[in-house]
Structures are given as C-alpha cells and as structure tokens.
Amino acid sequence: LRRRAGLDGVKAGLLRELCPPEALTDTASLAAA
C-alpha cells in the first residue's frame, strides 16, 4: 500500500478497520475501497 498507493499510517489503518478481509486481498476491491 505504501509503495503502490502512497498509503500508510492512519489511512492504511482505516482500510484495515473498515474493509472486510477479503477486500484487502482482491486488487479491484482494494482500489475501489
């Protein structure tokens, strides 16, 4: 996430907090989130 999307820290934390686990492993779902 840091290298490819420029996201780390609290933004990455929000993704983990608010996304279902399966969305984090699917590229299309992760980008949409």
PDB file of all heavy atoms in Angstrom:
ATOM      1  N   LEU A   1       0.833  -1.217   0.000  1.00  0.00           N
ATOM      2  CA  LEU A   1       0.000   0.000   0.000  1.00  0.00           C
ATOM      3  C   LEU A   1       0.860   1.258   0.000  1.00  0.00           C
ATOM      4  O   LEU A   1       0.547   2.239  -0.687  1.00  0.00           O
ATOM      5  CB  LEU A   1      -0.918   0.002   1.229  1.00  0.00           C
ATOM      6  CG  LEU A   1      -2.108  -0.952   1.198  1.00  0.00           C
ATOM      7  CD1 LEU A   1      -2.772  -1.006   2.568  1.00  0.00           C
ATOM      8  CD2 LEU A   1      -3.109  -0.533   0.134  1.00  0.00           C
ATOM      9  N   ARG A   2       1.937   1.212   0.753  1.00  0.00           N
ATOM     10  CA  ARG A   2       2.810   2.388   0.818  1.00  0.00           C
ATOM     11  C   ARG A   2       3.492   2.635  -0.523  1.00  0.00           C
ATOM     12  O   ARG A   2       3.531   3.766  -1.012  1.00  0.00           O
ATOM     13  CB  ARG A   2       3.841   2.189   1.923  1.00  0.00           C
ATOM     14  CG  ARG A   2       4.831   3.350   2.052  1.00  0.00           C
ATOM     15  CD  ARG A   2       5.790   3.127   3.215  1.00  0.00           C
ATOM     16  NE  ARG A   2       6.456   1.837   3.119  1.00  0.00           N
ATOM     17  CZ  ARG A   2       7.507   1.581   2.314  1.00  0.00           C
ATOM     18  NH1 ARG A   2       7.989   2.549   1.541  1.00  0.00           N
ATOM     19  NH2 ARG A   2       8.060   0.390   2.299  1.00  0.00           N
ATOM     20  N   ARG A   3       4.032   1.559  -1.146  1.00  0.00           N
ATOM     21  CA  ARG A   3       4.793   1.713  -2.379  1.00  0.00           C
ATOM     22  C   ARG A   3       3.900   1.968  -3.588  1.00  0.00           C
ATOM     23  O   ARG A   3       4.227   2.776  -4.457  1.00  0.00           O
ATOM     24  CB  ARG A   3       5.641   0.466  -2.633  1.00  0.00           C
ATOM     25  CG  ARG A   3       6.758   0.268  -1.616  1.00  0.00           C
ATOM     26  CD  ARG A   3       7.515  -1.017  -1.895  1.00  0.00           C
ATOM     27  NE  ARG A   3       8.124  -0.974  -3.225  1.00  0.00           N
ATOM     28  CZ  ARG A   3       8.432  -2.052  -3.948  1.00  0.00           C
ATOM     29  NH1 ARG A   3       8.156  -3.254  -3.469  1.00  0.00           N
ATOM     30  NH2 ARG A   3       9.000  -1.928  -5.132  1.00  0.00           N
ATOM     31  N   ARG A   4       2.767   1.286  -3.666  1.00  0.00           N
ATOM     32  CA  ARG A   4       1.940   1.344  -4.873  1.00  0.00           C
ATOM     33  C   ARG A   4       0.803   2.360  -4.801  1.00  0.00           C
ATOM     34  O   ARG A   4       0.351   2.851  -5.825  1.00  0.00           O
ATOM     35  CB  ARG A   4       1.349  -0.038  -5.171  1.00  0.00           C
ATOM     36  CG  ARG A   4       2.373  -1.140  -5.329  1.00  0.00           C
ATOM     37  CD  ARG A   4       3.395  -0.802  -6.397  1.00  0.00           C
ATOM     38  NE  ARG A   4       4.366  -1.888  -6.570  1.00  0.00           N
ATOM     39  CZ  ARG A   4       5.516  -1.753  -7.217  1.00  0.00           C
ATOM     40  NH1 ARG A   4       5.858  -0.576  -7.738  1.00  0.00           N
ATOM     41  NH2 ARG A   4       6.356  -2.776  -7.335  1.00  0.00           N
ATOM     42  N   ALA A   5       0.326   2.662  -3.568  1.00  0.00           N
ATOM     43  CA  ALA A   5      -0.815   3.580  -3.442  1.00  0.00           C
ATOM     44  C   ALA A   5      -0.490   4.825  -2.624  1.00  0.00           C
ATOM     45  O   ALA A   5      -1.314   5.724  -2.522  1.00  0.00           O
ATOM     46  CB  ALA A   5      -2.001   2.854  -2.810  1.00  0.00           C
ATOM     47  N   GLY A   6       0.711   4.870  -2.060  1.00  0.00           N
ATOM     48  CA  GLY A   6       1.092   6.029  -1.249  1.00  0.00           C
ATOM     49  C   GLY A   6       0.343   6.117   0.061  1.00  0.00           C
ATOM     50  O   GLY A   6       0.218   7.201   0.631  1.00  0.00           O
ATOM     51  N   LEU A   7      -0.156   4.974   0.544  1.00  0.00           N
ATOM     52  CA  LEU A   7      -0.937   4.964   1.781  1.00  0.00           C
ATOM     53  C   LEU A   7      -0.168   4.262   2.891  1.00  0.00           C
ATOM     54  O   LEU A   7       0.345   3.152   2.700  1.00  0.00           O
ATOM     55  CB  LEU A   7      -2.274   4.237   1.577  1.00  0.00           C
ATOM     56  CG  LEU A   7      -3.222   4.775   0.511  1.00  0.00           C
ATOM     57  CD1 LEU A   7      -4.514   3.974   0.530  1.00  0.00           C
ATOM     58  CD2 LEU A   7      -3.507   6.250   0.709  1.00  0.00           C
ATOM     59  N   ASP A   8      -0.099   4.904   4.030  1.00  0.00           N
ATOM     60  CA  ASP A   8       0.459   4.256   5.210  1.00  0.00           C
ATOM     61  C   ASP A   8      -0.172   4.870   6.442  1.00  0.00           C
ATOM     62  O   ASP A   8      -1.105   5.681   6.340  1.00  0.00           O
ATOM     63  CB  ASP A   8       1.992   4.376   5.260  1.00  0.00           C
ATOM     64  CG  ASP A   8       2.466   5.832   5.242  1.00  0.00           C
ATOM     65  OD1 ASP A   8       1.619   6.751   5.325  1.00  0.00           O
ATOM     66  OD2 ASP A   8       3.680   6.061   5.153  1.00  0.00           O
ATOM     67  N   GLY A   9       0.284   4.513   7.603  1.00  0.00           N
ATOM     68  CA  GLY A   9      -0.203   5.106   8.838  1.00  0.00           C
ATOM     69  C   GLY A   9      -1.700   4.983   8.994  1.00  0.00           C
ATOM     70  O   GLY A   9      -2.294   3.918   8.815  1.00  0.00           O
ATOM     71  N   VAL A  10      -2.338   6.111   9.312  1.00  0.00           N
ATOM     72  CA  VAL A  10      -3.760   6.088   9.633  1.00  0.00           C
ATOM     73  C   VAL A  10      -4.625   5.726   8.422  1.00  0.00           C
ATOM     74  O   VAL A  10      -5.667   5.083   8.564  1.00  0.00           O
ATOM     75  CB  VAL A  10      -4.196   7.436  10.248  1.00  0.00           C
ATOM     76  CG1 VAL A  10      -4.101   8.569   9.238  1.00  0.00           C
ATOM     77  CG2 VAL A  10      -5.601   7.343  10.819  1.00  0.00           C
ATOM     78  N   LYS A  11      -4.208   6.099   7.221  1.00  0.00           N
ATOM     79  CA  LYS A  11      -5.005   5.742   6.041  1.00  0.00           C
ATOM     80  C   LYS A  11      -5.015   4.229   5.831  1.00  0.00           C
ATOM     81  O   LYS A  11      -6.064   3.631   5.553  1.00  0.00           O
ATOM     82  CB  LYS A  11      -4.466   6.451   4.800  1.00  0.00           C
ATOM     83  CG  LYS A  11      -4.798   7.940   4.746  1.00  0.00           C
ATOM     84  CD  LYS A  11      -4.399   8.535   3.409  1.00  0.00           C
ATOM     85  CE  LYS A  11      -4.830   9.988   3.285  1.00  0.00           C
ATOM     86  NZ  LYS A  11      -4.475  10.569   1.973  1.00  0.00           N
ATOM     87  N   ALA A  12      -3.854   3.607   5.963  1.00  0.00           N
ATOM     88  CA  ALA A  12      -3.815   2.157   5.871  1.00  0.00           C
ATOM     89  C   ALA A  12      -4.598   1.532   7.016  1.00  0.00           C
ATOM     90  O   ALA A  12      -5.290   0.509   6.835  1.00  0.00           O
ATOM     91  CB  ALA A  12      -2.365   1.673   5.894  1.00  0.00           C
ATOM     92  N   GLY A  13      -4.525   2.162   8.191  1.00  0.00           N
ATOM     93  CA  GLY A  13      -5.285   1.671   9.335  1.00  0.00           C
ATOM     94  C   GLY A  13      -6.785   1.728   9.093  1.00  0.00           C
ATOM     95  O   GLY A  13      -7.525   0.825   9.495  1.00  0.00           O
ATOM     96  N   LEU A  14      -7.249   2.783   8.423  1.00  0.00           N
ATOM     97  CA  LEU A  14      -8.676   2.892   8.110  1.00  0.00           C
ATOM     98  C   LEU A  14      -9.122   1.778   7.167  1.00  0.00           C
ATOM     99  O   LEU A  14     -10.211   1.220   7.320  1.00  0.00           O
ATOM    100  CB  LEU A  14      -8.976   4.262   7.485  1.00  0.00           C
ATOM    101  CG  LEU A  14      -9.083   5.446   8.453  1.00  0.00           C
ATOM    102  CD1 LEU A  14      -9.058   6.769   7.699  1.00  0.00           C
ATOM    103  CD2 LEU A  14     -10.341   5.339   9.307  1.00  0.00           C
ATOM    104  N   LEU A  15      -8.283   1.459   6.194  1.00  0.00           N
ATOM    105  CA  LEU A  15      -8.633   0.361   5.283  1.00  0.00           C
ATOM    106  C   LEU A  15      -8.790  -0.945   6.050  1.00  0.00           C
ATOM    107  O   LEU A  15      -9.762  -1.681   5.856  1.00  0.00           O
ATOM    108  CB  LEU A  15      -7.564   0.213   4.207  1.00  0.00           C
ATOM    109  CG  LEU A  15      -7.586   1.237   3.060  1.00  0.00           C
ATOM    110  CD1 LEU A  15      -6.353   1.073   2.197  1.00  0.00           C
ATOM    111  CD2 LEU A  15      -8.847   1.078   2.216  1.00  0.00           C
ATOM    112  N   ARG A  16      -7.852  -1.233   6.935  1.00  0.00           N
ATOM    113  CA  ARG A  16      -7.921  -2.473   7.707  1.00  0.00           C
ATOM    114  C   ARG A  16      -9.128  -2.456   8.647  1.00  0.00           C
ATOM    115  O   ARG A  16      -9.760  -3.488   8.887  1.00  0.00           O
ATOM    116  CB  ARG A  16      -6.646  -2.660   8.516  1.00  0.00           C
ATOM    117  CG  ARG A  16      -5.411  -2.953   7.674  1.00  0.00           C
ATOM    118  CD  ARG A  16      -4.203  -3.163   8.582  1.00  0.00           C
ATOM    119  NE  ARG A  16      -2.999  -3.430   7.824  1.00  0.00           N
ATOM    120  CZ  ARG A  16      -2.622  -4.641   7.390  1.00  0.00           C
ATOM    121  NH1 ARG A  16      -3.405  -5.688   7.626  1.00  0.00           N
ATOM    122  NH2 ARG A  16      -1.499  -4.806   6.731  1.00  0.00           N
ATOM    123  N   GLU A  17      -9.445  -1.277   9.180  1.00  0.00           N
ATOM    124  CA  GLU A  17     -10.539  -1.162  10.143  1.00  0.00           C
ATOM    125  C   GLU A  17     -11.909  -1.314   9.485  1.00  0.00           C
ATOM    126  O   GLU A  17     -12.825  -1.924  10.059  1.00  0.00           O
ATOM    127  CB  GLU A  17     -10.463   0.209  10.844  1.00  0.00           C
ATOM    128  CG  GLU A  17     -11.559   0.477  11.850  1.00  0.00           C
ATOM    129  CD  GLU A  17     -11.376  -0.247  13.174  1.00  0.00           C
ATOM    130  OE1 GLU A  17     -10.366  -0.967  13.319  1.00  0.00           O
ATOM    131  OE2 GLU A  17     -12.228  -0.086  14.067  1.00  0.00           O
ATOM    132  N   LEU A  18     -12.048  -0.790   8.273  1.00  0.00           N
ATOM    133  CA  LEU A  18     -13.376  -0.658   7.679  1.00  0.00           C
ATOM    134  C   LEU A  18     -13.658  -1.631   6.532  1.00  0.00           C
ATOM    135  O   LEU A  18     -14.815  -1.757   6.125  1.00  0.00           O
ATOM    136  CB  LEU A  18     -13.571   0.787   7.180  1.00  0.00           C
ATOM    137  CG  LEU A  18     -13.474   1.872   8.263  1.00  0.00           C
ATOM    138  CD1 LEU A  18     -13.490   3.255   7.627  1.00  0.00           C
ATOM    139  CD2 LEU A  18     -14.598   1.752   9.275  1.00  0.00           C
ATOM    140  N   CYS A  19     -12.636  -2.284   6.019  1.00  0.00           N
ATOM    141  CA  CYS A  19     -12.848  -3.210   4.902  1.00  0.00           C
ATOM    142  C   CYS A  19     -12.949  -4.654   5.407  1.00  0.00           C
ATOM    143  O   CYS A  19     -12.209  -5.039   6.317  1.00  0.00           O
ATOM    144  CB  CYS A  19     -11.679  -3.136   3.922  1.00  0.00           C
ATOM    145  SG  CYS A  19     -11.649  -1.635   2.939  1.00  0.00           S
ATOM    146  N   PRO A  20     -13.796  -5.470   4.791  1.00  0.00           N
ATOM    147  CA  PRO A  20     -13.768  -6.908   5.100  1.00  0.00           C
ATOM    148  C   PRO A  20     -12.436  -7.494   4.640  1.00  0.00           C
ATOM    149  O   PRO A  20     -11.840  -7.015   3.664  1.00  0.00           O
ATOM    150  CB  PRO A  20     -14.944  -7.467   4.304  1.00  0.00           C
ATOM    151  CG  PRO A  20     -15.207  -6.469   3.234  1.00  0.00           C
ATOM    152  CD  PRO A  20     -14.819  -5.142   3.786  1.00  0.00           C
ATOM    153  N   PRO A  21     -11.933  -8.527   5.321  1.00  0.00           N
ATOM    154  CA  PRO A  21     -10.603  -9.075   4.992  1.00  0.00           C
ATOM    155  C   PRO A  21     -10.442  -9.455   3.526  1.00  0.00           C
ATOM    156  O   PRO A  21      -9.375  -9.234   2.933  1.00  0.00           O
ATOM    157  CB  PRO A  21     -10.500 -10.302   5.908  1.00  0.00           C
ATOM    158  CG  PRO A  21     -11.408  -9.990   7.053  1.00  0.00           C
ATOM    159  CD  PRO A  21     -12.532  -9.206   6.476  1.00  0.00           C
ATOM    160  N   GLU A  22     -11.518  -9.981   2.922  1.00  0.00           N
ATOM    161  CA  GLU A  22     -11.395 -10.421   1.539  1.00  0.00           C
ATOM    162  C   GLU A  22     -11.167  -9.249   0.569  1.00  0.00           C
ATOM    163  O   GLU A  22     -10.564  -9.410  -0.490  1.00  0.00           O
ATOM    164  CB  GLU A  22     -12.631 -11.215   1.104  1.00  0.00           C
ATOM    165  CG  GLU A  22     -13.962 -10.479   1.228  1.00  0.00           C
ATOM    166  CD  GLU A  22     -14.617 -10.643   2.589  1.00  0.00           C
ATOM    167  OE1 GLU A  22     -13.904 -11.010   3.556  1.00  0.00           O
ATOM    168  OE2 GLU A  22     -15.839 -10.398   2.673  1.00  0.00           O
ATOM    169  N   ALA A  23     -11.645  -8.058   0.933  1.00  0.00           N
ATOM    170  CA  ALA A  23     -11.450  -6.887   0.063  1.00  0.00           C
ATOM    171  C   ALA A  23      -9.990  -6.467   0.028  1.00  0.00           C
ATOM    172  O   ALA A  23      -9.540  -5.856  -0.951  1.00  0.00           O
ATOM    173  CB  ALA A  23     -12.324  -5.736   0.528  1.00  0.00           C
ATOM    174  N   LEU A  24      -9.237  -6.775   1.067  1.00  0.00           N
ATOM    175  CA  LEU A  24      -7.833  -6.370   1.133  1.00  0.00           C
ATOM    176  C   LEU A  24      -6.941  -7.241   0.264  1.00  0.00           C
ATOM    177  O   LEU A  24      -5.799  -6.866  -0.026  1.00  0.00           O
ATOM    178  CB  LEU A  24      -7.346  -6.419   2.581  1.00  0.00           C
ATOM    179  CG  LEU A  24      -8.068  -5.485   3.567  1.00  0.00           C
ATOM    180  CD1 LEU A  24      -7.560  -5.715   4.991  1.00  0.00           C
ATOM    181  CD2 LEU A  24      -7.889  -4.027   3.178  1.00  0.00           C
ATOM    182  N   THR A  25      -7.439  -8.387  -0.145  1.00  0.00           N
ATOM    183  CA  THR A  25      -6.624  -9.297  -0.946  1.00  0.00           C
ATOM    184  C   THR A  25      -7.028  -9.313  -2.412  1.00  0.00           C
ATOM    185  O   THR A  25      -6.390  -9.992  -3.216  1.00  0.00           O
ATOM    186  CB  THR A  25      -6.728 -10.731  -0.376  1.00  0.00           C
ATOM    187  OG1 THR A  25      -8.105 -11.134  -0.369  1.00  0.00           O
ATOM    188  CG2 THR A  25      -6.172 -10.771   1.051  1.00  0.00           C
ATOM    189  N   ASP A  26      -8.052  -8.586  -2.770  1.00  0.00           N
ATOM    190  CA  ASP A  26      -8.518  -8.507  -4.157  1.00  0.00           C
ATOM    191  C   ASP A  26      -8.198  -7.118  -4.696  1.00  0.00           C
ATOM    192  O   ASP A  26      -8.652  -6.107  -4.153  1.00  0.00           O
ATOM    193  CB  ASP A  26     -10.024  -8.770  -4.221  1.00  0.00           C
ATOM    194  CG  ASP A  26     -10.567  -8.641  -5.628  1.00  0.00           C
ATOM    195  OD1 ASP A  26     -10.366  -9.570  -6.429  1.00  0.00           O
ATOM    196  OD2 ASP A  26     -11.169  -7.578  -5.922  1.00  0.00           O
ATOM    197  N   THR A  27      -7.420  -7.070  -5.757  1.00  0.00           N
ATOM    198  CA  THR A  27      -6.932  -5.778  -6.265  1.00  0.00           C
ATOM    199  C   THR A  27      -8.066  -4.815  -6.604  1.00  0.00           C
ATOM    200  O   THR A  27      -8.040  -3.642  -6.219  1.00  0.00           O
ATOM    201  CB  THR A  27      -6.059  -5.992  -7.518  1.00  0.00           C
ATOM    202  OG1 THR A  27      -4.904  -6.744  -7.144  1.00  0.00           O
ATOM    203  CG2 THR A  27      -5.611  -4.658  -8.103  1.00  0.00           C
ATOM    204  N   ALA A  28      -9.066  -5.279  -7.322  1.00  0.00           N
ATOM    205  CA  ALA A  28     -10.165  -4.397  -7.730  1.00  0.00           C
ATOM    206  C   ALA A  28     -10.931  -3.888  -6.512  1.00  0.00           C
ATOM    207  O   ALA A  28     -11.272  -2.697  -6.426  1.00  0.00           O
ATOM    208  CB  ALA A  28     -11.105  -5.134  -8.680  1.00  0.00           C
ATOM    209  N   SER A  29     -11.203  -4.764  -5.566  1.00  0.00           N
ATOM    210  CA  SER A  29     -11.936  -4.364  -4.366  1.00  0.00           C
ATOM    211  C   SER A  29     -11.120  -3.394  -3.521  1.00  0.00           C
ATOM    212  O   SER A  29     -11.661  -2.438  -2.966  1.00  0.00           O
ATOM    213  CB  SER A  29     -12.289  -5.598  -3.528  1.00  0.00           C
ATOM    214  OG  SER A  29     -13.135  -6.467  -4.245  1.00  0.00           O
ATOM    215  N   LEU A  30      -9.813  -3.637  -3.426  1.00  0.00           N
ATOM    216  CA  LEU A  30      -8.949  -2.755  -2.639  1.00  0.00           C
ATOM    217  C   LEU A  30      -8.889  -1.363  -3.261  1.00  0.00           C
ATOM    218  O   LEU A  30      -9.009  -0.346  -2.555  1.00  0.00           O
ATOM    219  CB  LEU A  30      -7.559  -3.364  -2.547  1.00  0.00           C
ATOM    220  CG  LEU A  30      -6.519  -2.584  -1.731  1.00  0.00           C
ATOM    221  CD1 LEU A  30      -6.997  -2.370  -0.297  1.00  0.00           C
ATOM    222  CD2 LEU A  30      -5.172  -3.314  -1.749  1.00  0.00           C
ATOM    223  N   ALA A  31      -8.720  -1.297  -4.583  1.00  0.00           N
ATOM    224  CA  ALA A  31      -8.680   0.015  -5.253  1.00  0.00           C
ATOM    225  C   ALA A  31     -10.006   0.748  -5.067  1.00  0.00           C
ATOM    226  O   ALA A  31     -10.032   1.963  -4.812  1.00  0.00           O
ATOM    227  CB  ALA A  31      -8.368  -0.170  -6.735  1.00  0.00           C
ATOM    228  N   ALA A  32     -11.121   0.028  -5.200  1.00  0.00           N
ATOM    229  CA  ALA A  32     -12.442   0.652  -5.025  1.00  0.00           C
ATOM    230  C   ALA A  32     -12.615   1.173  -3.608  1.00  0.00           C
ATOM    231  O   ALA A  32     -13.178   2.261  -3.388  1.00  0.00           O
ATOM    232  CB  ALA A  32     -13.531  -0.349  -5.360  1.00  0.00           C
ATOM    233  N   ALA A  33     -12.106   0.422  -2.627  1.00  0.00           N
ATOM    234  CA  ALA A  33     -12.227   0.858  -1.237  1.00  0.00           C
ATOM    235  C   ALA A  33     -11.396   2.109  -0.971  1.00  0.00           C
ATOM    236  O   ALA A  33     -11.826   3.019  -0.256  1.00  0.00           O
ATOM    237  CB  ALA A  33     -11.797  -0.268  -0.300  1.00  0.00           C
TER     238      ALA A  33
END
